């Protein structure tokens, strides 16, 4: 059993957010439109909250179905439904499907919408990317909603982003991670 260091977790999360803000403000590949970068002073986030970090086993599906997901530009992308996570968050039992675009990759994509979508957070939903083994603890996965992020289409309509499948629409608010981007 591994021990969890809350202070180290919080420091790493805040450092990651600082690096992301620096990238968005200065890098020519930033999704923030060039005319907004001069006044960009960072993204808005919920304060780190350990209760939004859950360690849960993946129920990996034996037969992985391919689904077609619509995008923000009326396109489509195919994903394998790799498995599901069932856990409790904010006092509510929820299930989220995890996806892969390629069966050989080590990343799980976990998009979700929740009760904050369209109000406090981006209306089309947010994403979690889980890397194996980086986001593993013992034999389980770490779903840290404090790391939930907006897809690039939240900052500019020049990006095409997959929409969250209806199976991952949660009837609970997830007040963790990135908030709605509002340019100054």
C-alpha atoms as a PDB file:
ATOM      1  CA  UNK A   1       0.000   0.000   0.000  1.00  0.00           C
ATOM      2  CA  UNK A   2       1.461   3.342  -0.962  1.00  0.00           C
ATOM      3  CA  UNK A   3       1.317   6.381   1.249  1.00  0.00           C
ATOM      4  CA  UNK A   4      -0.146   9.597  -0.105  1.00  0.00           C
ATOM      5  CA  UNK A   5       1.658  12.877   0.612  1.00  0.00           C
ATOM      6  CA  UNK A   6      -0.956  15.650   0.506  1.00  0.00           C
ATOM      7  CA  UNK A   7       1.585  18.476   0.566  1.00  0.00           C
ATOM      8  CA  UNK A   8       3.639  17.015  -2.293  1.00  0.00           C
ATOM      9  CA  UNK A   9       0.454  16.387  -4.301  1.00  0.00           C
ATOM     10  CA  UNK A  10      -0.744  19.976  -3.794  1.00  0.00           C
ATOM     11  CA  UNK A  11       2.687  21.424  -4.665  1.00  0.00           C
ATOM     12  CA  UNK A  12       2.925  19.308  -7.840  1.00  0.00           C
ATOM     13  CA  UNK A  13      -0.592  20.311  -8.902  1.00  0.00           C
ATOM     14  CA  UNK A  14       0.047  24.019  -8.375  1.00  0.00           C
ATOM     15  CA  UNK A  15       3.397  23.803 -10.204  1.00  0.00           C
ATOM     16  CA  UNK A  16       1.703  22.044 -13.127  1.00  0.00           C
ATOM     17  CA  UNK A  17      -0.890  24.822 -13.284  1.00  0.00           C
ATOM     18  CA  UNK A  18       1.836  27.501 -13.272  1.00  0.00           C
ATOM     19  CA  UNK A  19       3.637  25.775 -16.152  1.00  0.00           C
ATOM     20  CA  UNK A  20       0.422  25.518 -18.136  1.00  0.00           C
ATOM     21  CA  UNK A  21      -0.317  29.219 -17.599  1.00  0.00           C
ATOM     22  CA  UNK A  22       3.214  30.119 -18.745  1.00  0.00           C
ATOM     23  CA  UNK A  23       2.813  27.973 -21.871  1.00  0.00           C
ATOM     24  CA  UNK A  24      -0.587  29.489 -22.672  1.00  0.00           C
ATOM     25  CA  UNK A  25       0.760  33.034 -22.201  1.00  0.00           C
ATOM     26  CA  UNK A  26       4.024  32.744 -24.127  1.00  0.00           C
ATOM     27  CA  UNK A  27       4.228  29.788 -26.483  1.00  0.00           C
ATOM     28  CA  UNK A  28       3.403  30.399 -30.161  1.00  0.00           C
ATOM     29  CA  UNK A  29       1.475  27.096 -30.148  1.00  0.00           C
ATOM     30  CA  UNK A  30      -0.767  28.252 -27.285  1.00  0.00           C
ATOM     31  CA  UNK A  31      -4.487  27.766 -27.884  1.00  0.00           C
ATOM     32  CA  UNK A  32      -5.085  31.282 -26.541  1.00  0.00           C
ATOM     33  CA  UNK A  33      -5.556  33.571 -29.561  1.00  0.00           C
ATOM     34  CA  UNK A  34      -2.472  35.747 -30.120  1.00  0.00           C
ATOM     35  CA  UNK A  35      -4.433  38.976 -29.588  1.00  0.00           C
ATOM     36  CA  UNK A  36      -5.454  37.787 -26.082  1.00  0.00           C
ATOM     37  CA  UNK A  37      -2.035  36.618 -24.846  1.00  0.00           C
ATOM     38  CA  UNK A  38      -0.787  40.058 -23.827  1.00  0.00           C
ATOM     39  CA  UNK A  39      -3.577  40.438 -21.272  1.00  0.00           C
ATOM     40  CA  UNK A  40      -3.726  36.734 -20.348  1.00  0.00           C
ATOM     41  CA  UNK A  41      -2.912  36.378 -16.648  1.00  0.00           C
ATOM     42  CA  UNK A  42      -3.649  32.706 -16.170  1.00  0.00           C
ATOM     43  CA  UNK A  43      -6.519  30.263 -16.220  1.00  0.00           C
ATOM     44  CA  UNK A  44      -9.107  30.008 -13.467  1.00  0.00           C
ATOM     45  CA  UNK A  45      -9.102  26.885 -11.344  1.00  0.00           C
ATOM     46  CA  UNK A  46     -10.984  25.517  -8.394  1.00  0.00           C
ATOM     47  CA  UNK A  47      -8.823  25.329  -5.283  1.00  0.00           C
ATOM     48  CA  UNK A  48      -7.135  21.940  -4.891  1.00  0.00           C
ATOM     49  CA  UNK A  49      -9.379  19.563  -2.993  1.00  0.00           C
ATOM     50  CA  UNK A  50      -8.127  16.121  -2.055  1.00  0.00           C
ATOM     51  CA  UNK A  51     -11.661  14.661  -1.972  1.00  0.00           C
ATOM     52  CA  UNK A  52     -11.751  15.037  -5.783  1.00  0.00           C
ATOM     53  CA  UNK A  53      -8.811  12.647  -6.117  1.00  0.00           C
ATOM     54  CA  UNK A  54     -10.077   9.077  -6.254  1.00  0.00           C
ATOM     55  CA  UNK A  55      -8.169   5.830  -6.551  1.00  0.00           C
ATOM     56  CA  UNK A  56     -10.270   3.251  -8.367  1.00  0.00           C
ATOM     57  CA  UNK A  57      -9.864   0.069 -10.356  1.00  0.00           C
ATOM     58  CA  UNK A  58     -10.763   0.002 -14.022  1.00  0.00           C
ATOM     59  CA  UNK A  59     -13.358  -2.549 -15.029  1.00  0.00           C
ATOM     60  CA  UNK A  60     -11.713  -3.297 -18.382  1.00  0.00           C
ATOM     61  CA  UNK A  61     -14.144  -4.607 -20.957  1.00  0.00           C
ATOM     62  CA  UNK A  62     -13.348  -7.949 -22.528  1.00  0.00           C
ATOM     63  CA  UNK A  63     -14.991  -6.929 -25.809  1.00  0.00           C
ATOM     64  CA  UNK A  64     -14.080  -3.338 -26.544  1.00  0.00           C
ATOM     65  CA  UNK A  65     -16.762  -1.612 -28.556  1.00  0.00           C
ATOM     66  CA  UNK A  66     -15.867   1.150 -31.012  1.00  0.00           C
ATOM     67  CA  UNK A  67     -17.992   4.262 -30.717  1.00  0.00           C
ATOM     68  CA  UNK A  68     -18.113   7.316 -32.931  1.00  0.00           C
ATOM     69  CA  UNK A  69     -17.927  10.606 -31.066  1.00  0.00           C
ATOM     70  CA  UNK A  70     -19.063  13.868 -32.610  1.00  0.00           C
ATOM     71  CA  UNK A  71     -16.759  16.877 -32.487  1.00  0.00           C
ATOM     72  CA  UNK A  72     -17.269  20.595 -31.943  1.00  0.00           C
ATOM     73  CA  UNK A  73     -16.928  21.185 -35.700  1.00  0.00           C
ATOM     74  CA  UNK A  74     -19.501  18.555 -36.702  1.00  0.00           C
ATOM     75  CA  UNK A  75     -16.798  16.008 -37.421  1.00  0.00           C
ATOM     76  CA  UNK A  76     -16.433  12.530 -35.957  1.00  0.00           C
ATOM     77  CA  UNK A  77     -13.744  10.495 -34.208  1.00  0.00           C
ATOM     78  CA  UNK A  78     -13.701   6.817 -33.311  1.00  0.00           C
ATOM     79  CA  UNK A  79     -12.730   5.542 -29.872  1.00  0.00           C
ATOM     80  CA  UNK A  80     -12.582   2.166 -28.191  1.00  0.00           C
ATOM     81  CA  UNK A  81     -14.629   1.983 -24.998  1.00  0.00           C
ATOM     82  CA  UNK A  82     -11.829   0.493 -22.918  1.00  0.00           C
ATOM     83  CA  UNK A  83     -13.588   0.075 -19.585  1.00  0.00           C
ATOM     84  CA  UNK A  84     -15.357   1.899 -16.800  1.00  0.00           C
ATOM     85  CA  UNK A  85     -14.649   3.380 -13.411  1.00  0.00           C
ATOM     86  CA  UNK A  86     -17.307   3.143 -10.690  1.00  0.00           C
ATOM     87  CA  UNK A  87     -16.756   5.258  -7.579  1.00  0.00           C
ATOM     88  CA  UNK A  88     -18.296   7.750  -5.198  1.00  0.00           C
ATOM     89  CA  UNK A  89     -17.657  11.461  -5.521  1.00  0.00           C
ATOM     90  CA  UNK A  90     -19.309  14.337  -3.689  1.00  0.00           C
ATOM     91  CA  UNK A  91     -21.497  11.750  -1.937  1.00  0.00           C
ATOM     92  CA  UNK A  92     -22.848  10.319  -5.195  1.00  0.00           C
ATOM     93  CA  UNK A  93     -22.144   6.976  -6.898  1.00  0.00           C
ATOM     94  CA  UNK A  94     -21.007   7.581 -10.470  1.00  0.00           C
ATOM     95  CA  UNK A  95     -19.617   5.635 -13.413  1.00  0.00           C
ATOM     96  CA  UNK A  96     -17.334   7.002 -16.112  1.00  0.00           C
ATOM     97  CA  UNK A  97     -16.250   5.214 -19.274  1.00  0.00           C
ATOM     98  CA  UNK A  98     -12.589   5.364 -20.287  1.00  0.00           C
ATOM     99  CA  UNK A  99     -11.575   5.437 -23.947  1.00  0.00           C
ATOM    100  CA  UNK A 100      -8.594   4.822 -26.193  1.00  0.00           C
ATOM    101  CA  UNK A 101      -8.181   5.940 -29.776  1.00  0.00           C
ATOM    102  CA  UNK A 102      -5.571   3.214 -30.343  1.00  0.00           C
ATOM    103  CA  UNK A 103      -5.457  -0.161 -28.549  1.00  0.00           C
ATOM    104  CA  UNK A 104      -1.643   0.035 -28.337  1.00  0.00           C
ATOM    105  CA  UNK A 105      -1.461   3.312 -26.415  1.00  0.00           C
ATOM    106  CA  UNK A 106      -0.988   3.487 -22.644  1.00  0.00           C
ATOM    107  CA  UNK A 107      -3.284   6.475 -22.193  1.00  0.00           C
ATOM    108  CA  UNK A 108      -6.902   6.469 -21.125  1.00  0.00           C
ATOM    109  CA  UNK A 109      -9.093   9.407 -22.091  1.00  0.00           C
ATOM    110  CA  UNK A 110     -11.850  10.170 -19.587  1.00  0.00           C
ATOM    111  CA  UNK A 111     -14.072  13.020 -20.780  1.00  0.00           C
ATOM    112  CA  UNK A 112     -16.948  14.170 -18.588  1.00  0.00           C
ATOM    113  CA  UNK A 113     -19.677  16.734 -18.166  1.00  0.00           C
ATOM    114  CA  UNK A 114     -21.100  17.516 -14.772  1.00  0.00           C
ATOM    115  CA  UNK A 115     -23.507  19.881 -13.044  1.00  0.00           C
ATOM    116  CA  UNK A 116     -20.985  22.756 -13.338  1.00  0.00           C
ATOM    117  CA  UNK A 117     -20.783  22.469 -17.159  1.00  0.00           C
ATOM    118  CA  UNK A 118     -22.009  25.632 -18.858  1.00  0.00           C
ATOM    119  CA  UNK A 119     -21.937  27.596 -15.618  1.00  0.00           C
ATOM    120  CA  UNK A 120     -18.660  27.377 -13.709  1.00  0.00           C
ATOM    121  CA  UNK A 121     -16.900  25.154 -16.233  1.00  0.00           C
ATOM    122  CA  UNK A 122     -16.727  24.766 -20.006  1.00  0.00           C
ATOM    123  CA  UNK A 123     -20.161  23.837 -21.347  1.00  0.00           C
ATOM    124  CA  UNK A 124     -19.000  21.019 -23.616  1.00  0.00           C
ATOM    125  CA  UNK A 125     -17.222  19.278 -20.734  1.00  0.00           C
ATOM    126  CA  UNK A 126     -13.710  18.649 -19.524  1.00  0.00           C
ATOM    127  CA  UNK A 127     -11.134  15.890 -19.881  1.00  0.00           C
ATOM    128  CA  UNK A 128      -8.828  13.738 -17.801  1.00  0.00           C
ATOM    129  CA  UNK A 129      -5.874  11.987 -19.443  1.00  0.00           C
ATOM    130  CA  UNK A 130      -4.526   9.004 -17.538  1.00  0.00           C
ATOM    131  CA  UNK A 131      -1.078   7.661 -18.371  1.00  0.00           C
ATOM    132  CA  UNK A 132      -0.019   4.148 -17.446  1.00  0.00           C
ATOM    133  CA  UNK A 133       1.983   3.834 -15.184  1.00  0.00           C
ATOM    134  CA  UNK A 134       2.166   7.525 -14.143  1.00  0.00           C
ATOM    135  CA  UNK A 135      -1.444   7.691 -12.978  1.00  0.00           C
ATOM    136  CA  UNK A 136      -1.459   4.367 -11.160  1.00  0.00           C
ATOM    137  CA  UNK A 137      -1.359   3.701  -7.453  1.00  0.00           C
ATOM    138  CA  UNK A 138      -0.873   0.087  -6.484  1.00  0.00           C
ATOM    139  CA  UNK A 139      -3.143  -1.783  -8.934  1.00  0.00           C
ATOM    140  CA  UNK A 140      -5.671   1.032  -9.347  1.00  0.00           C
ATOM    141  CA  UNK A 141      -5.926   4.231 -11.379  1.00  0.00           C
ATOM    142  CA  UNK A 142      -5.846   7.731  -9.904  1.00  0.00           C
ATOM    143  CA  UNK A 143      -8.633   9.945 -11.225  1.00  0.00           C
ATOM    144  CA  UNK A 144      -7.647  13.384 -10.004  1.00  0.00           C
ATOM    145  CA  UNK A 145     -10.388  15.776 -10.998  1.00  0.00           C
ATOM    146  CA  UNK A 146      -8.165  18.606  -9.770  1.00  0.00           C
ATOM    147  CA  UNK A 147      -6.286  17.991 -13.036  1.00  0.00           C
ATOM    148  CA  UNK A 148      -9.449  18.166 -15.182  1.00  0.00           C
ATOM    149  CA  UNK A 149      -8.838  20.476 -18.108  1.00  0.00           C
ATOM    150  CA  UNK A 150     -10.701  22.217 -20.885  1.00  0.00           C
ATOM    151  CA  UNK A 151     -10.117  21.050 -24.452  1.00  0.00           C
ATOM    152  CA  UNK A 152      -8.444  23.598 -26.745  1.00  0.00           C
ATOM    153  CA  UNK A 153     -11.772  24.458 -28.385  1.00  0.00           C
ATOM    154  CA  UNK A 154     -12.699  26.203 -25.107  1.00  0.00           C
ATOM    155  CA  UNK A 155     -10.161  28.916 -26.013  1.00  0.00           C
ATOM    156  CA  UNK A 156     -10.564  29.213 -29.769  1.00  0.00           C
ATOM    157  CA  UNK A 157     -12.963  27.927 -32.420  1.00  0.00           C
ATOM    158  CA  UNK A 158      -9.998  27.038 -34.643  1.00  0.00           C
ATOM    159  CA  UNK A 159      -9.763  23.717 -32.778  1.00  0.00           C
ATOM    160  CA  UNK A 160     -11.839  20.590 -33.240  1.00  0.00           C
ATOM    161  CA  UNK A 161     -12.558  18.724 -30.008  1.00  0.00           C
ATOM    162  CA  UNK A 162     -14.454  15.506 -29.348  1.00  0.00           C
ATOM    163  CA  UNK A 163     -17.677  15.972 -27.407  1.00  0.00           C
ATOM    164  CA  UNK A 164     -18.322  14.066 -24.201  1.00  0.00           C
ATOM    165  CA  UNK A 165     -20.389  10.921 -24.837  1.00  0.00           C
ATOM    166  CA  UNK A 166     -23.735  10.942 -23.012  1.00  0.00           C
ATOM    167  CA  UNK A 167     -22.599   7.982 -20.857  1.00  0.00           C
ATOM    168  CA  UNK A 168     -20.147  10.356 -19.152  1.00  0.00           C
ATOM    169  CA  UNK A 169     -22.618  13.093 -18.234  1.00  0.00           C
ATOM    170  CA  UNK A 170     -22.684  13.198 -14.439  1.00  0.00           C
ATOM    171  CA  UNK A 171     -25.581  14.377 -12.289  1.00  0.00           C
ATOM    172  CA  UNK A 172     -23.228  15.780  -9.669  1.00  0.00           C
ATOM    173  CA  UNK A 173     -21.098  18.937  -9.575  1.00  0.00           C
ATOM    174  CA  UNK A 174     -17.344  18.378  -9.876  1.00  0.00           C
ATOM    175  CA  UNK A 175     -15.891  21.591  -8.449  1.00  0.00           C
ATOM    176  CA  UNK A 176     -12.301  20.674  -9.215  1.00  0.00           C
ATOM    177  CA  UNK A 177      -9.856  21.422 -11.986  1.00  0.00           C
ATOM    178  CA  UNK A 178     -10.121  24.098 -14.616  1.00  0.00           C
ATOM    179  CA  UNK A 179     -12.980  26.579 -14.739  1.00  0.00           C
ATOM    180  CA  UNK A 180     -14.500  28.325 -17.765  1.00  0.00           C
ATOM    181  CA  UNK A 181     -12.055  30.460 -19.732  1.00  0.00           C
ATOM    182  CA  UNK A 182     -13.183  34.074 -19.898  1.00  0.00           C
ATOM    183  CA  UNK A 183     -10.814  36.356 -21.826  1.00  0.00           C
ATOM    184  CA  UNK A 184     -10.333  39.794 -20.313  1.00  0.00           C
END
